[in-house]
C-alpha cells in the first residue's frame, strides 16, 4: 500500500526527523514537503533527505499568504500524490496515534472497513510546565492533555483526514477533503471516524459552517487519535510565535491560543508504544549523508533564535505571561470566576525543566 504524507513547513528543522520516522513506522511510504522562508536548516535537511530518496521537497508555490491551500492545490498534480493509494495531510506537530491492530495506517484502514476517507479527532497535548527545548522526541516529553471528549467547553473537536485515491474529490482541505455539493447521495464517499463509524451527516456534506472541520469526539477514538503537540516547550513556542512574523511591540500579547491548548487534566502515554521503533528509525535517517550534521545545526539555530528573542523586552514579557497563564480557556475561566471557584494554577508553579 502506497501512503503519501503531505505537509507544509517553515522553520521546523529540529522536529523533522522525528515526524518522518514516526510516520514511516506507522506505514507512510512517501512524503511531499512544501517549505517556505526557512532559516533554520529545514530546507537543507529536506534536500538531503530528497537526495537519499526519503522525501519529495518542493518550494511552496503560494505567491500570497495562503501557503497551505496553495500547496494542497499543487499537490494533486504531483506524482507522489496522484499515484498513491492513500493521502495523509497533516502538520509536523501532529502524530496519528493508532490503537488498533498492529498500530499502523493499514491496520486502521482495515479496522474502519476500507472507507474512502477516515477523519480522526485531535487531542491537544499541553506544555505542562516544560520550559526548556531539548533534542528529544516530542512524543516522549508531553503526556498531559484535556479530557479527550471535551475541549474548551465544546464536545466537537477538530479532525485531520486520511483520503483514499478514489475519493470523489473537489479539493483537499487542510482538515478534510471536499466533494462537489451536487454529488448524488449514492455517489457520496464512504467516510468514517476514528472508530469506524460513519461521520455525522452534516459533516459529510459540509452543511454546518461552524463544524466543517470537526465533529463530536465522544466514542470517535476507539481505533485512532490525532495527538497534536501545538505548544511543545516554552522555548519552542516563543520561536513558533516569531515564525509567524508577529510584531508584538507596543501591543498586548494574546495568550488565548496557549491557554486553550494547555489543559493538563488528563494523562495519556499510549503513543509511547512507538518510541523504540521511532528511535531506531531516527538513527537510520541520521546515518544518511549530511543529515546528522544538519539536524545538530537546526537544533543550535533553534536555541540561538530563542536567545535572540529573549533579548527583546516584548518577548521577555511574553515568556513571563505564558508562565503565569492558567490552563483553561477564557470561557471556562469566566465560568469559574462566576461560580466563585479558584482557577487552576500555572504548571510552572510546580514543574520545572
Protein backbone atom coordinates (compact mmCIF):
# COMPACT_ATOMS: atom_id res chain seq x y z
CA UNK A 1 0.00 0.00 0.00
CA UNK A 2 1.42 3.38 -1.01
CA UNK A 3 0.63 6.10 1.52
CA UNK A 4 1.81 9.67 0.92
CA UNK A 5 2.01 12.26 3.69
CA UNK A 6 1.67 15.88 2.55
CA UNK A 7 2.74 18.79 4.75
CA UNK A 8 3.89 22.42 4.71
CA UNK A 9 6.80 23.59 6.84
CA UNK A 10 8.59 26.74 7.89
CA UNK A 11 11.44 26.51 10.41
CA UNK A 12 10.65 23.03 11.72
CA UNK A 13 14.25 21.80 11.44
CA UNK A 14 14.65 20.28 14.93
CA UNK A 15 11.42 18.30 14.59
CA UNK A 16 11.58 16.91 11.05
CA UNK A 17 13.38 13.63 11.68
CA UNK A 18 11.07 12.52 14.49
CA UNK A 19 7.96 13.24 12.41
CA UNK A 20 9.29 11.45 9.34
CA UNK A 21 10.50 8.49 11.41
CA UNK A 22 7.16 8.23 13.23
CA UNK A 23 5.17 8.28 10.02
CA UNK A 24 7.42 5.68 8.42
CA UNK A 25 6.80 3.44 11.45
CA UNK A 26 3.01 3.72 11.07
CA UNK A 27 3.13 2.91 7.36
CA UNK A 28 3.71 6.11 5.39
CA UNK A 29 5.79 5.23 2.33
CA UNK A 30 6.21 8.65 0.67
CA UNK A 31 6.41 12.28 1.76
CA UNK A 32 5.68 15.53 -0.04
CA UNK A 33 7.08 18.56 1.79
CA UNK A 34 6.48 22.17 0.80
CA UNK A 35 8.76 24.70 2.51
CA UNK A 36 8.97 28.49 2.53
CA UNK A 37 11.25 31.14 4.03
CA UNK A 38 13.30 28.78 6.21
CA UNK A 39 16.39 29.97 8.04
CA UNK A 40 16.90 27.09 10.49
CA UNK A 41 18.19 24.40 8.07
CA UNK A 42 14.71 22.93 7.44
CA UNK A 43 15.02 23.25 3.66
CA UNK A 44 18.59 21.92 3.64
CA UNK A 45 17.64 18.87 5.72
CA UNK A 46 14.80 18.15 3.31
CA UNK A 47 17.14 18.50 0.34
CA UNK A 48 19.47 15.90 1.87
CA UNK A 49 16.57 13.57 2.52
CA UNK A 50 15.31 14.07 -1.01
CA UNK A 51 18.76 13.17 -2.37
CA UNK A 52 18.55 9.96 -0.34
CA UNK A 53 15.11 9.13 -1.78
CA UNK A 54 13.24 9.61 1.51
CA UNK A 55 11.08 12.64 0.66
CA UNK A 56 9.99 14.90 -2.17
CA UNK A 57 10.75 18.53 -1.33
CA UNK A 58 9.32 21.48 -3.24
CA UNK A 59 9.22 25.23 -2.66
CA UNK A 60 5.76 26.37 -1.65
CA UNK A 61 4.06 27.73 -4.79
CA UNK A 62 1.99 30.31 -2.91
CA UNK A 63 2.53 33.90 -4.03
CA UNK A 64 0.45 35.45 -1.27
CA UNK A 65 -0.06 34.27 2.31
CA UNK A 66 -2.32 31.25 1.73
CA UNK A 67 0.60 28.83 1.86
CA UNK A 68 -1.21 25.67 2.88
CA UNK A 69 -4.14 25.81 0.47
CA UNK A 70 -1.94 26.73 -2.50
CA UNK A 71 0.36 23.83 -1.67
CA UNK A 72 -2.55 21.38 -1.38
CA UNK A 73 -3.86 22.57 -4.75
CA UNK A 74 -0.45 21.93 -6.29
CA UNK A 75 -0.09 18.55 -4.54
CA UNK A 76 -2.88 16.99 -6.60
CA UNK A 77 -0.68 17.27 -9.68
CA UNK A 78 2.43 15.74 -8.11
CA UNK A 79 3.09 12.07 -9.00
CA UNK A 80 3.86 11.22 -5.37
CA UNK A 81 0.25 12.13 -4.57
CA UNK A 82 -1.51 11.15 -7.80
CA UNK A 83 -0.01 7.65 -7.71
CA UNK A 84 -0.63 7.00 -4.01
CA UNK A 85 -3.32 4.69 -2.64
CA UNK A 86 -3.94 6.96 0.34
CA UNK A 87 -3.10 10.59 1.20
CA UNK A 88 -2.41 11.80 4.74
CA UNK A 89 -2.46 15.59 5.16
CA UNK A 90 -1.04 16.71 8.50
CA UNK A 91 1.36 19.12 10.18
CA UNK A 92 4.73 18.32 11.72
CA UNK A 93 3.33 18.74 15.25
CA UNK A 94 0.57 16.15 14.62
CA UNK A 95 1.03 12.42 15.21
CA UNK A 96 -1.53 9.76 14.25
CA UNK A 97 -1.77 7.51 17.33
CA UNK A 98 -3.35 4.23 16.20
CA UNK A 99 -4.82 1.99 18.90
CA UNK A 100 -5.93 -1.00 16.84
CA UNK A 101 -4.29 -3.99 15.13
CA UNK A 102 -0.57 -3.54 14.53
CA UNK A 103 -0.86 0.22 15.20
CA UNK A 104 -0.26 1.17 11.55
CA UNK A 105 -2.30 3.05 8.97
CA UNK A 106 -3.10 -0.14 7.01
CA UNK A 107 -4.37 -1.65 10.27
CA UNK A 108 -6.55 1.42 10.90
CA UNK A 109 -7.94 1.29 7.37
CA UNK A 110 -8.83 -2.38 7.77
CA UNK A 111 -10.49 -1.79 11.15
CA UNK A 112 -12.60 1.01 9.62
CA UNK A 113 -13.75 -1.25 6.76
CA UNK A 114 -11.64 0.34 3.99
CA UNK A 115 -13.70 3.52 3.51
CA UNK A 116 -12.79 6.34 1.14
CA UNK A 117 -11.89 8.69 4.00
CA UNK A 118 -11.15 8.47 7.72
CA UNK A 119 -11.28 11.59 9.90
CA UNK A 120 -9.57 11.38 13.28
CA UNK A 121 -10.20 13.75 16.21
CA UNK A 122 -7.47 15.95 17.67
CA UNK A 123 -6.23 15.60 21.23
CA UNK A 124 -4.24 18.70 22.22
CA UNK A 125 -1.20 17.95 24.38
CA UNK A 126 -0.25 20.57 26.92
CA UNK A 127 3.06 22.26 27.61
CA UNK A 128 2.52 21.25 31.26
CA UNK A 129 5.42 23.29 32.60
CA UNK A 130 8.14 22.13 30.19
CA UNK A 131 10.29 25.21 29.85
CA UNK A 132 13.49 24.22 28.04
CA UNK A 133 13.87 22.97 24.49
CA UNK A 134 15.73 19.65 24.46
CA UNK A 135 16.61 17.46 21.50
CA UNK A 136 14.40 14.50 22.42
CA UNK A 137 11.32 13.08 20.72
CA UNK A 138 8.36 15.36 21.31
CA UNK A 139 6.05 12.38 21.84
CA UNK A 140 8.17 11.33 24.83
CA UNK A 141 8.07 14.71 26.58
CA UNK A 142 4.41 15.75 26.67
CA UNK A 143 1.81 13.48 28.26
CA UNK A 144 -0.90 15.79 29.64
CA UNK A 145 -3.99 16.90 27.71
CA UNK A 146 -7.59 17.99 28.08
CA UNK A 147 -10.34 15.42 28.56
CA UNK A 148 -10.25 13.87 25.05
CA UNK A 149 -14.03 14.27 24.67
CA UNK A 150 -14.17 17.95 25.69
CA UNK A 151 -12.11 20.89 24.50
CA UNK A 152 -12.71 24.49 25.58
CA UNK A 153 -16.21 23.69 26.76
CA UNK A 154 -17.19 22.06 23.46
CA UNK A 155 -17.79 18.41 22.67
CA UNK A 156 -16.94 18.85 18.98
CA UNK A 157 -13.20 18.72 18.26
CA UNK A 158 -11.25 19.30 15.05
CA UNK A 159 -10.07 16.46 12.83
CA UNK A 160 -7.50 15.57 10.21
CA UNK A 161 -8.23 13.08 7.44
CA UNK A 162 -6.82 10.12 5.57
CA UNK A 163 -8.12 10.10 1.98
CA UNK A 164 -8.30 7.15 -0.42
CA UNK A 165 -7.28 7.82 -4.00
CA UNK A 166 -10.78 7.18 -5.40
CA UNK A 167 -12.43 9.79 -3.19
CA UNK A 168 -14.68 11.96 -5.45
CA UNK A 169 -12.51 14.98 -4.79
CA UNK A 170 -13.34 18.59 -5.49
CA UNK A 171 -10.39 19.85 -3.45
CA UNK A 172 -8.23 18.99 -0.45
CA UNK A 173 -8.78 20.99 2.71
CA UNK A 174 -6.22 21.11 5.49
CA UNK A 175 -8.58 19.20 7.80
CA UNK A 176 -10.81 17.25 5.40
CA UNK A 177 -11.45 16.68 1.73
CA UNK A 178 -14.46 18.19 -0.04
CA UNK A 179 -16.59 16.75 -2.80
CA UNK A 180 -18.92 18.62 -5.12
CA UNK A 181 -22.07 19.78 -3.37
CA UNK A 182 -24.37 18.42 -6.09
CA UNK A 183 -22.96 14.89 -5.94
CA UNK A 184 -25.94 12.47 -5.78
CA UNK A 185 -26.31 10.74 -2.40
CA UNK A 186 -25.50 7.31 -3.85
CA UNK A 187 -22.18 8.64 -5.15
CA UNK A 188 -21.10 10.27 -1.91
CA UNK A 189 -17.98 8.73 -0.42
CA UNK A 190 -17.90 6.19 2.38
CA UNK A 191 -16.36 8.07 5.30
CA UNK A 192 -15.73 7.07 8.90
CA UNK A 193 -14.45 8.50 12.15
CA UNK A 194 -11.61 7.02 14.19
CA UNK A 195 -13.90 4.27 15.48
CA UNK A 196 -15.06 3.12 12.06
CA UNK A 197 -18.47 4.78 12.43
CA UNK A 198 -19.99 6.86 9.65
CA UNK A 199 -19.16 10.53 10.12
CA UNK A 200 -22.10 12.79 11.03
CA UNK A 201 -24.22 13.67 8.01
CA UNK A 202 -23.77 17.43 8.32
CA UNK A 203 -20.01 16.95 8.49
CA UNK A 204 -20.12 14.68 5.44
CA UNK A 205 -21.87 17.24 3.26
CA UNK A 206 -20.22 20.30 4.90
CA UNK A 207 -23.64 21.66 5.76
CA UNK A 208 -22.74 23.19 9.12
CA UNK A 209 -20.31 26.06 8.55
CA UNK A 210 -19.05 26.10 12.13
CA UNK A 211 -18.27 22.41 12.15
CA UNK A 212 -16.96 21.59 8.70
CA UNK A 213 -13.62 20.80 10.37
CA UNK A 214 -14.85 18.96 13.47
CA UNK A 215 -17.41 16.62 14.94
CA UNK A 216 -18.18 15.13 18.38
CA UNK A 217 -15.22 13.25 19.85
CA UNK A 218 -17.16 11.01 22.25
CA UNK A 219 -16.88 7.44 21.03
CA UNK A 220 -14.86 8.50 17.97
CA UNK A 221 -11.37 7.42 19.05
CA UNK A 222 -11.58 3.65 19.56
CA UNK A 223 -9.15 2.99 16.70
CA UNK A 224 -7.09 6.21 16.50
CA UNK A 225 -6.43 9.66 17.97
CA UNK A 226 -4.51 12.56 16.45
CA UNK A 227 -2.03 13.73 19.07
CA UNK A 228 -1.41 17.44 18.46
CA UNK A 229 1.64 18.98 20.14
CA UNK A 230 0.87 22.58 19.26
CA UNK A 231 2.77 24.12 22.18
CA UNK A 232 5.81 21.90 22.80
CA UNK A 233 8.31 23.56 25.20
CA UNK A 234 8.04 27.20 26.23
CA UNK A 235 11.29 27.86 24.32
CA UNK A 236 9.85 26.36 21.13
CA UNK A 237 6.57 28.22 21.50
CA UNK A 238 8.39 31.55 21.59
CA UNK A 239 10.21 30.58 18.38
CA UNK A 240 6.92 29.48 16.85
CA UNK A 241 5.42 32.91 17.54
CA UNK A 242 8.36 34.60 15.83
CA UNK A 243 8.00 32.26 12.83
CA UNK A 244 4.61 33.80 12.18
CA UNK A 245 6.25 37.21 11.67
CA UNK A 246 4.26 38.66 14.56
CA UNK A 247 5.25 42.18 15.57
CA UNK A 248 4.36 42.28 19.23
CA UNK A 249 5.94 45.60 20.09
CA UNK A 250 3.54 48.23 21.51
CA UNK A 251 0.59 45.87 21.83
CA UNK A 252 -0.61 43.27 24.30
CA UNK A 253 0.17 39.63 23.66
CA UNK A 254 -2.94 37.43 23.44
CA UNK A 255 -2.30 34.15 25.27
CA UNK A 256 -5.63 32.57 24.25
CA UNK A 257 -4.08 30.02 21.88
CA UNK A 258 -1.69 28.87 24.63
CA UNK A 259 -4.39 28.60 27.31
CA UNK A 260 -6.78 26.75 25.01
CA UNK A 261 -4.16 24.03 24.43
CA UNK A 262 -2.54 23.85 27.86
CA UNK A 263 -5.22 21.92 29.74
CA UNK A 264 -3.45 19.31 31.90
CA UNK A 265 -6.50 17.44 33.24
CA UNK A 266 -5.78 14.11 31.52
CA UNK A 267 -2.70 11.91 31.15
CA UNK A 268 -2.13 9.79 28.04
CA UNK A 269 1.10 7.90 27.36
CA UNK A 270 -0.32 5.43 24.82
CA UNK A 271 1.79 6.85 21.98
CA UNK A 272 4.94 5.77 23.82
CA UNK A 273 4.46 2.28 22.38
CA UNK A 274 6.04 3.64 19.19
CA UNK A 275 9.18 5.06 20.82
CA UNK A 276 11.55 2.08 20.32
CA UNK A 277 10.79 1.86 16.59
CA UNK A 278 10.77 5.64 16.14
CA UNK A 279 14.15 5.97 17.87
CA UNK A 280 15.63 3.26 15.66
CA UNK A 281 14.21 4.88 12.52
CA UNK A 282 15.58 8.28 13.54
CA UNK A 283 19.04 6.72 13.84
CA UNK A 284 18.70 5.33 10.31
CA UNK A 285 17.77 8.76 8.98
CA UNK A 286 20.64 10.37 10.88
CA UNK A 287 23.05 7.95 9.21
CA UNK A 288 22.20 9.32 5.75
CA UNK A 289 24.90 11.59 4.25
CA UNK A 290 24.90 15.04 5.83
CA UNK A 291 21.65 14.61 7.77
CA UNK A 292 23.01 14.31 11.32
CA UNK A 293 25.18 17.39 10.91
CA UNK A 294 22.26 19.46 9.65
CA UNK A 295 19.99 18.21 12.44
CA UNK A 296 22.53 19.35 15.03
CA UNK A 297 22.76 22.71 13.25
CA UNK A 298 18.96 23.06 13.24
CA UNK A 299 18.82 22.45 17.00
CA UNK A 300 21.57 25.03 17.58
CA UNK A 301 19.77 27.58 15.40
CA UNK A 302 16.54 26.93 17.31
CA UNK A 303 18.27 27.72 20.61
CA UNK A 304 20.00 30.75 19.10
CA UNK A 305 16.66 32.11 17.89
CA UNK A 306 15.24 31.66 21.39
CA UNK A 307 18.18 33.58 22.86
CA UNK A 308 17.82 36.39 20.31
CA UNK A 309 14.11 36.71 21.05
CA UNK A 310 14.64 36.79 24.79
CA UNK A 311 16.98 39.74 24.36
CA UNK A 312 13.86 41.74 23.43
CA UNK A 313 11.64 43.18 26.20
CA UNK A 314 8.43 42.17 24.41
CA UNK A 315 9.48 38.50 24.33
CA UNK A 316 10.62 38.61 27.94
CA UNK A 317 7.15 39.86 28.81
CA UNK A 318 5.53 37.20 26.63
CA UNK A 319 7.52 34.43 28.30
CA UNK A 320 6.51 35.61 31.77
CA UNK A 321 2.88 35.96 30.74
CA UNK A 322 2.80 32.40 29.42
CA UNK A 323 4.40 31.06 32.60
CA UNK A 324 1.73 32.77 34.67
CA UNK A 325 -1.18 31.83 32.39
CA UNK A 326 -3.77 29.37 33.59
CA UNK A 327 -4.65 26.09 31.95
CA UNK A 328 -8.24 26.82 30.95
CA UNK A 329 -9.62 28.84 28.05
CA UNK A 330 -11.20 32.26 28.52
CA UNK A 331 -14.78 30.92 28.53
CA UNK A 332 -14.00 28.36 31.23
CA UNK A 333 -12.10 30.97 33.23
CA UNK A 334 -15.13 33.27 33.14
CA UNK A 335 -17.42 30.44 34.27
CA UNK A 336 -15.16 29.52 37.19
CA UNK A 337 -14.99 33.18 38.20
CA UNK A 338 -18.79 33.50 38.08
CA UNK A 339 -19.13 30.41 40.28
CA UNK A 340 -16.55 31.71 42.69
CA UNK A 341 -14.24 28.76 42.09
CA UNK A 342 -10.45 29.04 42.03
CA UNK A 343 -8.55 28.90 38.76
CA UNK A 344 -6.10 26.04 38.20
CA UNK A 345 -2.54 27.16 38.96
CA UNK A 346 0.07 27.52 36.27
CA UNK A 347 2.09 24.29 35.83
CA UNK A 348 5.19 26.43 36.30
CA UNK A 349 4.26 26.84 39.96
CA UNK A 350 5.26 23.21 40.48
CA UNK A 351 7.01 21.86 37.41
CA UNK A 352 10.42 22.88 36.13
CA UNK A 353 12.58 21.64 33.23
